[in-house]
C-alpha cells in the first residue's frame, strides 16, 4: 500500500509561484510513475506533469509547459511541482498520483494510476 500526502497549495495572485509537495510512504518501485493532475470545478481531472522515480524524463501538459517543473527527491520519497507564472486558469485542486506498475509514457492517463492523494487547493486570483 502506498500513501500520498500533498501540501503547498494556497491562494496567490496571478504571476506568483507555488511549490506543491507530495510525500509518499509505503512500498514504491523505482520504475513506477508519479504524476500531478488537477481538477477544476465542473471539469474532468486533467494531466499536469509526470515523471518516474528512476528516470530523468519529465512530461507536461501543453498548458503548463515552460511554467511548471516536476522534480523528485528520492531520499525523501517526495515529488514536487514548482509552479511559476500562475494564471487564474490554473485554479484547481491538485492531486498527486502513483502507479502500481509500469505504464506507458507520457504517464498522462489518470486511469492508469492506482494511488491518489487527497488533493490540495490552488487558487489564483486575477
Foldseek 3Di string as FASTA:
>chain_A
DKAWAKDWADEEAAQAKIKMKIFMDDDDDQAKKKFKWWDDPPGDIWGAKMDGNNDDDIDGDPVQPPFWDWDDDVVRNMIMIIGGRDDQVVWTWMKMFIAPDHDDPPPTDPVRTDYIYPTDTHGYHD
